[in-house]
């Protein structure tokens, strides 16, 4: 079963169970997936769906920071609850050590050295680690690997 199909099935289950908050979050996710499919005129695979999930989680983390800064804890709590629902669909993430090991292997494979090769390395890293690690963490690992190389 594809990730998109699992999300649709979970939406139906949330409807039956009358879980309003969870249902609303899943509907937002399905709407974002559908929007991307319509915009790009493609059928999203699991990796692309994970990309949509990552983007939505990042948006909610940014919103939480803004709401906390403004003293709107009830809105921050709502966003945190949405993150919890969204994270359930993410695959198991790599640990920081595993990310660093993967990045070092890619740097060695490409023969990259110095910060000037960051773009070349990130291009390969994004395709290999998409959905397996948070890109902010990956970017920091690439910088560390290239500065130490």
Protein backbone atom coordinates (compact mmCIF):
# COMPACT_ATOMS: atom_id res chain seq x y z
CA UNK A 1 0.00 0.00 0.00
CA UNK A 2 1.35 3.40 -0.94
CA UNK A 3 1.74 6.16 1.62
CA UNK A 4 -0.94 8.20 -0.15
CA UNK A 5 -3.39 5.27 0.07
CA UNK A 6 -2.57 4.80 3.75
CA UNK A 7 -3.32 8.50 4.39
CA UNK A 8 -6.67 8.17 2.58
CA UNK A 9 -7.56 5.09 4.62
CA UNK A 10 -6.61 6.91 7.83
CA UNK A 11 -8.86 9.80 6.82
CA UNK A 12 -11.81 7.40 6.50
CA UNK A 13 -10.97 5.84 9.86
CA UNK A 14 -10.77 9.28 11.49
CA UNK A 15 -14.18 10.12 10.02
CA UNK A 16 -15.71 6.95 11.44
CA UNK A 17 -14.09 7.54 14.83
CA UNK A 18 -15.20 11.19 14.81
CA UNK A 19 -11.65 12.43 15.53
CA UNK A 20 -12.18 16.00 14.33
CA UNK A 21 -8.65 17.38 14.89
CA UNK A 22 -6.93 14.38 13.31
CA UNK A 23 -9.37 14.42 10.40
CA UNK A 24 -8.75 18.11 9.75
CA UNK A 25 -4.97 17.59 9.69
CA UNK A 26 -5.21 14.59 7.35
CA UNK A 27 -7.49 16.56 5.03
CA UNK A 28 -4.93 19.39 4.94
CA UNK A 29 -2.25 16.85 4.05
CA UNK A 30 -4.32 15.29 1.27
CA UNK A 31 -5.14 18.75 -0.08
CA UNK A 32 -1.42 19.64 -0.17
CA UNK A 33 -0.64 16.38 -1.98
CA UNK A 34 -3.44 16.94 -4.49
CA UNK A 35 -2.31 20.54 -5.05
CA UNK A 36 1.23 19.41 -5.83
CA UNK A 37 -0.08 16.73 -8.21
CA UNK A 38 -2.28 19.24 -10.04
CA UNK A 39 0.46 21.89 -10.20
CA UNK A 40 3.07 19.50 -11.57
CA UNK A 41 0.64 17.21 -13.45
CA UNK A 42 2.16 14.07 -11.98
CA UNK A 43 1.18 11.29 -9.61
CA UNK A 44 3.25 11.62 -6.42
CA UNK A 45 5.23 8.61 -5.25
CA UNK A 46 6.06 7.91 -1.59
CA UNK A 47 9.27 9.99 -1.69
CA UNK A 48 7.41 13.04 -3.01
CA UNK A 49 4.68 12.58 -0.38
CA UNK A 50 7.39 12.54 2.30
CA UNK A 51 8.69 15.80 0.81
CA UNK A 52 5.22 17.34 1.21
CA UNK A 53 5.11 16.05 4.79
CA UNK A 54 8.52 17.58 5.56
CA UNK A 55 7.40 20.91 4.16
CA UNK A 56 4.18 20.91 6.18
CA UNK A 57 6.02 19.98 9.39
CA UNK A 58 8.56 22.76 8.82
CA UNK A 59 5.73 25.26 8.29
CA UNK A 60 4.13 24.19 11.55
CA UNK A 61 7.41 24.45 13.46
CA UNK A 62 7.85 28.00 12.14
CA UNK A 63 4.26 28.79 13.16
CA UNK A 64 4.83 27.41 16.66
CA UNK A 65 7.85 29.69 17.09
CA UNK A 66 5.84 32.71 15.92
CA UNK A 67 2.83 31.85 18.13
CA UNK A 68 5.01 31.30 21.20
CA UNK A 69 6.76 34.61 20.59
CA UNK A 70 3.35 36.32 20.36
CA UNK A 71 2.10 34.57 23.51
CA UNK A 72 -0.56 32.54 21.66
CA UNK A 73 0.03 29.18 23.34
CA UNK A 74 -3.37 27.75 22.34
CA UNK A 75 -2.49 28.18 18.66
CA UNK A 76 1.00 26.79 19.24
CA UNK A 77 -0.55 23.73 20.93
CA UNK A 78 -2.86 23.20 17.93
CA UNK A 79 0.12 23.32 15.55
CA UNK A 80 2.06 20.88 17.77
CA UNK A 81 -0.88 18.47 17.66
CA UNK A 82 -0.86 18.70 13.85
CA UNK A 83 2.88 17.93 13.79
CA UNK A 84 2.23 14.79 15.84
CA UNK A 85 -0.35 13.58 13.31
CA UNK A 86 1.90 14.40 10.34
CA UNK A 87 5.00 12.75 11.83
CA UNK A 88 3.16 9.44 12.02
CA UNK A 89 3.48 9.19 8.22
CA UNK A 90 7.22 9.85 8.07
CA UNK A 91 9.57 6.90 7.62
CA UNK A 92 12.12 6.09 10.33
CA UNK A 93 14.73 8.86 10.34
CA UNK A 94 18.49 8.32 10.36
CA UNK A 95 20.41 9.27 13.48
CA UNK A 96 22.88 12.18 13.40
CA UNK A 97 25.81 9.72 13.26
CA UNK A 98 24.25 7.81 10.36
CA UNK A 99 23.63 11.05 8.47
CA UNK A 100 27.23 12.14 8.99
CA UNK A 101 28.52 8.73 7.84
CA UNK A 102 26.37 8.87 4.68
CA UNK A 103 27.50 12.42 3.93
CA UNK A 104 31.19 11.54 4.42
CA UNK A 105 30.78 8.58 2.07
CA UNK A 106 29.18 10.80 -0.60
CA UNK A 107 31.89 13.47 -0.18
CA UNK A 108 34.59 10.82 -0.62
CA UNK A 109 32.77 9.30 -3.59
CA UNK A 110 32.53 12.68 -5.34
CA UNK A 111 36.05 13.71 -4.39
CA UNK A 112 34.66 16.97 -3.03
CA UNK A 113 36.80 19.27 -0.94
CA UNK A 114 36.08 22.66 0.54
CA UNK A 115 32.93 24.76 0.80
CA UNK A 116 32.92 25.44 -2.94
CA UNK A 117 31.67 21.90 -3.59
CA UNK A 118 28.66 22.27 -1.25
CA UNK A 119 26.14 22.53 -4.10
CA UNK A 120 27.48 19.46 -5.88
CA UNK A 121 27.40 17.39 -2.69
CA UNK A 122 23.95 18.63 -1.61
CA UNK A 123 22.48 17.65 -4.98
CA UNK A 124 23.53 14.03 -4.51
CA UNK A 125 22.73 14.00 -0.78
CA UNK A 126 19.19 15.30 -1.35
CA UNK A 127 18.37 12.46 -3.73
CA UNK A 128 19.85 9.74 -1.50
CA UNK A 129 18.61 10.95 1.88
CA UNK A 130 15.24 12.41 0.85
CA UNK A 131 12.73 11.44 3.50
CA UNK A 132 15.34 9.65 5.58
CA UNK A 133 16.71 12.73 7.33
CA UNK A 134 15.80 16.33 7.99
CA UNK A 135 17.52 18.51 5.39
CA UNK A 136 18.66 21.09 7.97
CA UNK A 137 20.57 18.36 9.77
CA UNK A 138 21.94 17.07 6.45
CA UNK A 139 23.13 20.55 5.43
CA UNK A 140 25.01 20.96 8.72
CA UNK A 141 26.62 17.54 8.22
CA UNK A 142 27.72 18.48 4.68
CA UNK A 143 29.27 21.74 5.94
CA UNK A 144 31.10 19.85 8.69
CA UNK A 145 32.34 17.17 6.27
CA UNK A 146 33.57 19.72 3.72
CA UNK A 147 35.28 21.93 6.27
CA UNK A 148 37.05 18.92 7.76
CA UNK A 149 37.99 17.45 4.37
